[in-house]
């Protein structure tokens, strides 16, 4: 039997950490032929190229260079450029990860061509349809044939939405595979020396979601809260290009105690995360990583699609107002939360994904012969 060809779609930094373990396990199995397509949703070196190097992801066979533009423009451009690739490669399946525009674009093109869709990190829900990522998640899950789930809430959500139980597989968290597989290398990073951190305690800030960045009043509230926290704890803020632009447009100058820096590569960022006294973020992946690293996390949102990071981990919802963020900060100081690692977040999610794919494609084929 010929190897099962699977086209794997990645386009943004959160995708790369999830794709890396899958490329490894599928690449080592002679029954599979993984083909990596990089949509170019994140297209500069720090947002993309450095992550490929740090995670040791092989060079994509296709690079669509479809970055930039509004959500509609970007999604449409990815779909236009992906369709001829899938028609030429004729894969057995297309695998998409996460909740970015590349994810929903890849799923839609594949399904319209009659190609099976696999969604890794399926079922997560914030129940906030004002978030573009939530729409991407719902649409992708609704047309996927195999749904690989990171936590129990994802399984429950999918069953509630009518997805057949035998399509859903709880496999664990691929991002944690990447974290555990690269942590030792990350801890050797010299980023502390380059930034002049020394032995000082510090906090780490990340922010990129449109609801926080594009609303000037909300951005000002968050920046004001960060300025208060920075009086007690020096903060480092790798600025997403979108966020830097919005701060400049709004005339918001971060406190001098907040060190704004360029986006970091994966290993440098992981070092910062592992050594931070607190992480303040609106990123879903950072919530997960900080939980496993046992680092306190304040999520600068009113909701999260990763509830296990709160019920089981070190995460707290801090909201987006100055008052709510500072209340969460004080509560974190007064009532530390040790947290535990969620079930199946053990660095073996890639292997469990491979088991599911073998059962679906390889063993099923053998039985039917």
Protein backbone atom coordinates (compact mmCIF):
# COMPACT_ATOMS: atom_id res chain seq x y z
CA UNK A 1 0.00 0.00 0.00
CA UNK A 2 1.21 3.50 -0.83
CA UNK A 3 1.97 5.88 1.99
CA UNK A 4 -1.02 7.97 3.10
CA UNK A 5 -0.42 11.53 1.93
CA UNK A 6 -1.53 14.19 4.42
CA UNK A 7 -1.19 17.90 3.69
CA UNK A 8 -0.53 19.80 6.91
CA UNK A 9 -1.46 23.48 7.04
CA UNK A 10 0.39 25.99 9.22
CA UNK A 11 0.51 29.74 9.03
CA UNK A 12 0.90 31.44 12.41
CA UNK A 13 3.24 30.99 15.36
CA UNK A 14 0.75 29.00 17.51
CA UNK A 15 0.40 26.56 14.58
CA UNK A 16 4.11 25.82 14.43
CA UNK A 17 4.36 24.45 17.97
CA UNK A 18 1.47 22.08 17.21
CA UNK A 19 2.70 21.04 13.76
CA UNK A 20 6.25 20.21 14.89
CA UNK A 21 5.39 17.03 16.89
CA UNK A 22 3.05 15.83 14.13
CA UNK A 23 5.68 16.34 11.42
CA UNK A 24 8.11 14.33 13.54
CA UNK A 25 5.89 11.30 14.23
CA UNK A 26 4.39 11.16 10.73
CA UNK A 27 7.79 11.67 9.13
CA UNK A 28 9.15 8.66 11.04
CA UNK A 29 6.29 6.37 9.96
CA UNK A 30 6.71 4.87 6.47
CA UNK A 31 2.92 4.53 6.13
CA UNK A 32 2.53 8.33 5.96
CA UNK A 33 3.76 11.07 3.67
CA UNK A 34 3.31 14.45 5.41
CA UNK A 35 3.44 17.52 3.16
CA UNK A 36 3.83 20.84 4.94
CA UNK A 37 2.19 23.98 3.54
CA UNK A 38 3.07 27.32 5.14
CA UNK A 39 0.36 29.86 4.32
CA UNK A 40 2.53 32.81 5.32
CA UNK A 41 -0.06 34.24 7.72
CA UNK A 42 2.88 35.22 9.95
CA UNK A 43 5.55 36.14 7.47
CA UNK A 44 8.48 37.99 9.07
CA UNK A 45 11.56 36.24 10.41
CA UNK A 46 10.77 36.61 14.12
CA UNK A 47 7.12 35.72 13.66
CA UNK A 48 7.81 32.69 11.48
CA UNK A 49 11.31 31.82 10.29
CA UNK A 50 12.93 31.74 13.72
CA UNK A 51 10.21 29.42 15.00
CA UNK A 52 10.89 26.95 12.19
CA UNK A 53 14.57 26.95 13.10
CA UNK A 54 13.99 26.69 16.86
CA UNK A 55 11.45 23.87 16.51
CA UNK A 56 13.49 22.04 13.85
CA UNK A 57 10.54 21.94 11.50
CA UNK A 58 11.52 20.85 7.96
CA UNK A 59 11.28 23.39 5.17
CA UNK A 60 7.70 23.59 3.86
CA UNK A 61 7.12 22.09 0.43
CA UNK A 62 4.86 25.03 -0.33
CA UNK A 63 4.96 28.61 0.94
CA UNK A 64 1.81 30.49 -0.06
CA UNK A 65 2.98 33.94 1.12
CA UNK A 66 -0.59 34.98 1.85
CA UNK A 67 0.04 37.22 4.87
CA UNK A 68 -1.51 40.59 5.59
CA UNK A 69 -4.92 42.12 5.01
CA UNK A 70 -8.21 41.92 6.86
CA UNK A 71 -9.62 38.61 8.10
CA UNK A 72 -11.70 38.23 4.96
CA UNK A 73 -8.89 39.19 2.59
CA UNK A 74 -6.36 36.95 4.29
CA UNK A 75 -8.70 33.95 4.48
CA UNK A 76 -9.73 34.36 0.84
CA UNK A 77 -6.13 34.71 -0.35
CA UNK A 78 -5.07 31.55 1.49
CA UNK A 79 -8.00 29.66 -0.07
CA UNK A 80 -7.15 30.90 -3.58
CA UNK A 81 -3.50 29.88 -3.27
CA UNK A 82 -4.13 26.58 -1.48
CA UNK A 83 -6.68 25.11 -3.89
CA UNK A 84 -4.21 24.43 -6.76
CA UNK A 85 -1.77 22.87 -4.29
CA UNK A 86 -4.37 20.38 -3.07
CA UNK A 87 -5.50 19.65 -6.61
CA UNK A 88 -1.91 18.89 -7.61
CA UNK A 89 -1.02 16.82 -4.54
CA UNK A 90 -4.35 14.93 -4.24
CA UNK A 91 -3.84 14.11 -0.54
CA UNK A 92 -5.88 11.55 1.37
CA UNK A 93 -6.48 14.17 4.05
CA UNK A 94 -5.75 17.74 5.09
CA UNK A 95 -4.73 18.39 8.68
CA UNK A 96 -5.28 21.81 10.23
CA UNK A 97 -4.39 22.97 13.73
CA UNK A 98 -5.67 25.60 16.13
CA UNK A 99 -8.01 28.46 15.33
CA UNK A 100 -6.33 30.98 13.04
CA UNK A 101 -7.45 32.05 9.56
CA UNK A 102 -5.14 29.46 7.98
CA UNK A 103 -7.05 26.77 9.86
CA UNK A 104 -10.53 27.58 8.59
CA UNK A 105 -9.24 28.39 5.09
CA UNK A 106 -7.50 25.02 4.83
CA UNK A 107 -10.53 23.15 6.11
CA UNK A 108 -12.93 24.87 3.70
CA UNK A 109 -10.78 24.32 0.61
CA UNK A 110 -10.21 20.66 1.47
CA UNK A 111 -13.86 19.93 2.15
CA UNK A 112 -15.03 21.58 -1.06
CA UNK A 113 -12.59 19.35 -2.93
CA UNK A 114 -13.96 16.25 -1.20
CA UNK A 115 -10.84 15.73 0.92
CA UNK A 116 -11.13 14.56 4.54
CA UNK A 117 -10.30 17.15 7.20
CA UNK A 118 -8.48 16.48 10.47
CA UNK A 119 -8.62 19.21 13.11
CA UNK A 120 -6.01 19.11 15.86
CA UNK A 121 -6.99 21.14 18.95
CA UNK A 122 -10.67 20.73 18.21
CA UNK A 123 -13.61 21.56 20.46
CA UNK A 124 -12.24 24.53 22.40
CA UNK A 125 -14.87 27.21 22.98
CA UNK A 126 -14.81 30.65 24.58
CA UNK A 127 -18.56 31.05 23.85
CA UNK A 128 -17.74 34.57 22.65
CA UNK A 129 -18.64 34.90 18.97
CA UNK A 130 -17.16 38.37 18.77
CA UNK A 131 -13.76 36.63 18.66
CA UNK A 132 -12.68 35.78 15.09
CA UNK A 133 -10.92 32.68 16.45
CA UNK A 134 -14.20 31.38 17.88
CA UNK A 135 -15.84 31.55 14.46
CA UNK A 136 -12.84 29.74 12.96
CA UNK A 137 -13.11 27.00 15.59
CA UNK A 138 -16.85 26.45 15.14
CA UNK A 139 -16.70 26.36 11.33
CA UNK A 140 -13.65 24.09 11.22
CA UNK A 141 -15.06 21.61 13.73
CA UNK A 142 -18.41 21.46 11.94
CA UNK A 143 -16.81 20.16 8.72
CA UNK A 144 -13.99 18.02 10.16
CA UNK A 145 -13.94 14.23 9.89
CA UNK A 146 -11.46 13.55 12.70
CA UNK A 147 -11.33 15.84 15.72
CA UNK A 148 -8.26 15.62 17.95
CA UNK A 149 -9.00 17.12 21.37
CA UNK A 150 -6.62 18.58 23.98
CA UNK A 151 -8.88 18.58 27.06
CA UNK A 152 -12.16 17.13 28.28
CA UNK A 153 -14.09 20.38 27.77
CA UNK A 154 -13.38 20.09 24.05
CA UNK A 155 -14.91 16.62 23.91
CA UNK A 156 -18.00 17.78 25.82
CA UNK A 157 -18.44 20.82 23.55
CA UNK A 158 -18.27 18.73 20.38
CA UNK A 159 -20.77 16.18 21.65
CA UNK A 160 -23.12 19.02 22.59
CA UNK A 161 -22.82 20.36 19.02
CA UNK A 162 -23.80 16.99 17.56
CA UNK A 163 -20.42 15.67 16.44
CA UNK A 164 -20.49 11.83 16.44
CA UNK A 165 -18.56 10.42 19.38
CA UNK A 166 -16.45 8.12 17.21
CA UNK A 167 -15.08 11.16 15.33
CA UNK A 168 -13.68 12.65 18.57
CA UNK A 169 -10.36 11.58 20.08
CA UNK A 170 -8.87 12.95 23.31
CA UNK A 171 -5.13 12.96 22.58
CA UNK A 172 -3.62 15.67 24.81
CA UNK A 173 -1.83 18.87 23.92
CA UNK A 174 0.62 19.06 21.02
CA UNK A 175 1.99 22.41 22.23
CA UNK A 176 3.16 20.68 25.39
CA UNK A 177 5.01 18.09 23.29
CA UNK A 178 6.98 20.97 21.79
CA UNK A 179 7.50 22.59 25.18
CA UNK A 180 8.81 19.44 26.83
CA UNK A 181 10.90 18.47 23.84
CA UNK A 182 12.63 21.85 23.68
CA UNK A 183 12.70 23.06 27.29
CA UNK A 184 16.26 21.90 27.99
CA UNK A 185 17.54 23.78 24.92
CA UNK A 186 15.46 26.82 25.83
CA UNK A 187 16.94 26.99 29.32
CA UNK A 188 20.38 27.37 27.71
CA UNK A 189 19.26 30.60 25.95
CA UNK A 190 21.33 33.70 26.62
CA UNK A 191 18.31 35.99 26.32
CA UNK A 192 18.74 37.17 29.94
CA UNK A 193 22.24 38.40 29.13
CA UNK A 194 21.10 40.05 25.91
CA UNK A 195 18.30 41.88 27.71
CA UNK A 196 20.35 42.63 30.82
CA UNK A 197 17.88 40.89 33.12
CA UNK A 198 20.46 39.44 35.51
CA UNK A 199 18.93 37.78 38.55
CA UNK A 200 16.09 40.29 38.91
CA UNK A 201 12.47 39.12 39.16
CA UNK A 202 10.36 40.09 36.16
CA UNK A 203 6.99 39.61 34.54
CA UNK A 204 6.28 38.77 30.91
CA UNK A 205 3.53 40.42 28.84
CA UNK A 206 2.05 39.29 25.52
CA UNK A 207 -0.94 40.82 23.79
CA UNK A 208 -2.24 40.60 20.24
CA UNK A 209 -6.00 39.96 20.15
CA UNK A 210 -8.00 42.56 18.17
CA UNK A 211 -10.47 43.10 21.04
CA UNK A 212 -7.59 44.32 23.22
CA UNK A 213 -5.40 45.95 20.61
CA UNK A 214 -7.87 47.70 18.28
CA UNK A 215 -10.05 49.26 20.99
CA UNK A 216 -8.10 52.34 22.07
CA UNK A 217 -9.89 52.74 25.40
CA UNK A 218 -9.39 49.06 26.28
CA UNK A 219 -5.74 49.20 25.26
CA UNK A 220 -5.27 52.27 27.46
CA UNK A 221 -6.94 50.50 30.42
CA UNK A 222 -4.61 47.53 30.10
CA UNK A 223 -1.52 49.70 29.65
CA UNK A 224 -2.51 51.69 32.74
CA UNK A 225 -2.84 48.50 34.81
CA UNK A 226 0.51 47.25 33.54
CA UNK A 227 2.11 50.55 34.59
CA UNK A 228 0.90 50.01 38.18
CA UNK A 229 2.15 46.41 38.25
CA UNK A 230 5.48 47.55 36.81
CA UNK A 231 6.03 49.72 39.90
CA UNK A 232 6.47 46.47 41.84
CA UNK A 233 7.80 44.16 39.15
CA UNK A 234 9.80 44.98 36.04
CA UNK A 235 7.89 43.85 32.94
CA UNK A 236 9.15 42.69 29.55
CA UNK A 237 6.75 43.01 26.64
CA UNK A 238 7.67 41.45 23.26
CA UNK A 239 5.53 43.58 20.99
CA UNK A 240 3.54 41.93 18.24
CA UNK A 241 3.81 44.26 15.19
CA UNK A 242 0.05 44.85 15.31
CA UNK A 243 0.21 45.87 18.96
CA UNK A 244 3.18 48.19 18.44
CA UNK A 245 1.33 49.95 15.66
CA UNK A 246 -1.83 50.41 17.71
CA UNK A 247 0.09 51.81 20.71
CA UNK A 248 1.76 54.35 18.43
CA UNK A 249 -1.51 55.32 16.73
CA UNK A 250 -3.24 55.75 20.10
CA UNK A 251 -0.38 57.80 21.53
CA UNK A 252 0.03 55.35 24.44
CA UNK A 253 3.57 55.27 25.80
CA UNK A 254 4.22 52.28 28.09
CA UNK A 255 5.74 52.95 31.51
CA UNK A 256 9.57 53.17 31.58
CA UNK A 257 9.47 50.10 33.84
CA UNK A 258 7.90 48.17 30.97
CA UNK A 259 10.63 47.09 28.57
CA UNK A 260 9.11 46.76 25.10
CA UNK A 261 11.19 44.44 22.93
CA UNK A 262 10.99 42.83 19.50
CA UNK A 263 9.11 39.52 19.08
CA UNK A 264 11.16 36.60 20.41
CA UNK A 265 11.99 33.25 18.89
CA UNK A 266 10.46 30.17 20.45
CA UNK A 267 13.43 29.17 22.63
CA UNK A 268 14.05 32.71 23.92
CA UNK A 269 10.38 33.17 24.72
CA UNK A 270 10.23 29.82 26.49
CA UNK A 271 13.17 30.85 28.68
CA UNK A 272 11.39 34.09 29.57
CA UNK A 273 8.18 32.24 30.35
CA UNK A 274 9.87 29.63 32.52
CA UNK A 275 11.66 32.27 34.61
CA UNK A 276 8.87 34.85 34.88
CA UNK A 277 7.25 35.64 38.22
CA UNK A 278 3.99 36.14 36.34
CA UNK A 279 2.78 36.06 32.73
CA UNK A 280 0.12 38.54 31.60
CA UNK A 281 -1.35 37.52 28.27
CA UNK A 282 -4.34 37.26 25.97
CA UNK A 283 -2.89 34.22 24.20
CA UNK A 284 -4.48 30.80 24.56
CA UNK A 285 -1.24 28.95 23.99
CA UNK A 286 0.62 30.96 26.61
CA UNK A 287 -2.10 30.08 29.13
CA UNK A 288 -1.37 26.41 28.42
CA UNK A 289 2.41 26.71 28.53
CA UNK A 290 2.42 28.70 31.77
CA UNK A 291 0.18 26.05 33.36
CA UNK A 292 2.69 23.30 32.56
CA UNK A 293 5.62 25.49 33.61
CA UNK A 294 3.78 26.22 36.90
CA UNK A 295 4.10 29.96 36.35
CA UNK A 296 1.22 32.22 37.52
CA UNK A 297 -0.76 33.55 34.57
CA UNK A 298 -3.19 36.47 34.39
CA UNK A 299 -5.29 36.27 31.23
CA UNK A 300 -6.23 39.71 29.93
CA UNK A 301 -9.64 38.62 28.70
CA UNK A 302 -13.17 38.12 30.02
CA UNK A 303 -13.23 34.47 28.93
CA UNK A 304 -11.02 31.59 27.88
CA UNK A 305 -11.50 28.63 25.57
CA UNK A 306 -9.01 26.72 27.74
CA UNK A 307 -10.91 26.30 31.03
CA UNK A 308 -8.64 23.50 32.26
CA UNK A 309 -5.86 26.09 32.71
CA UNK A 310 -8.07 27.68 35.38
CA UNK A 311 -9.70 24.63 36.97
CA UNK A 312 -6.47 22.66 37.00
CA UNK A 313 -3.62 25.06 36.24
CA UNK A 314 -2.13 28.38 37.29
CA UNK A 315 -4.31 30.66 35.17
CA UNK A 316 -6.77 33.37 36.32
CA UNK A 317 -9.09 35.50 34.24
CA UNK A 318 -8.11 39.11 34.88
CA UNK A 319 -10.54 40.90 32.59
CA UNK A 320 -9.53 43.94 30.57
CA UNK A 321 -10.21 46.92 32.83
CA UNK A 322 -7.55 48.51 35.00
CA UNK A 323 -9.59 47.71 38.11
CA UNK A 324 -10.15 44.02 37.27
CA UNK A 325 -6.54 43.41 36.24
CA UNK A 326 -5.18 44.94 39.43
CA UNK A 327 -7.70 42.97 41.51
CA UNK A 328 -6.49 39.75 39.87
CA UNK A 329 -2.88 40.81 40.46
CA UNK A 330 -3.52 41.38 44.16
CA UNK A 331 -5.43 38.11 44.47
CA UNK A 332 -2.51 36.27 42.85
CA UNK A 333 -0.09 37.77 45.38
CA UNK A 334 -2.31 37.08 48.38
CA UNK A 335 -3.58 33.64 47.34
CA UNK A 336 -0.93 31.81 45.29
CA UNK A 337 -2.25 28.92 43.25
CA UNK A 338 0.16 26.00 42.76
CA UNK A 339 -1.80 24.31 39.98
CA UNK A 340 -1.32 20.88 38.45
CA UNK A 341 -0.65 19.63 34.93
CA UNK A 342 -3.87 18.64 33.09
CA UNK A 343 -4.42 15.01 32.07
CA UNK A 344 -2.54 13.85 28.94
CA UNK A 345 -0.42 17.01 28.80
CA UNK A 346 2.59 14.74 29.11
CA UNK A 347 4.60 15.29 25.93
CA UNK A 348 3.09 12.28 24.14
CA UNK A 349 0.16 13.84 22.29
CA UNK A 350 1.92 13.41 18.95
CA UNK A 351 2.18 9.66 19.53
CA UNK A 352 -1.51 9.44 20.42
CA UNK A 353 -2.39 11.43 17.30
CA UNK A 354 -0.37 8.95 15.26
CA UNK A 355 -2.27 6.07 16.85
CA UNK A 356 -5.57 7.68 15.82
CA UNK A 357 -4.38 8.33 12.26
CA UNK A 358 -3.04 4.79 11.88
CA UNK A 359 -6.33 3.33 13.09
CA UNK A 360 -8.26 5.55 10.68
CA UNK A 361 -6.11 5.29 7.55
CA UNK A 362 -3.74 2.32 7.78
CA UNK A 363 -5.41 -0.37 9.87
CA UNK A 364 -8.82 0.38 8.38
CA UNK A 365 -7.30 -0.05 4.92
CA UNK A 366 -5.73 -3.39 5.86
CA UNK A 367 -9.02 -4.69 7.30
CA UNK A 368 -10.91 -3.69 4.16
CA UNK A 369 -8.49 -5.48 1.78
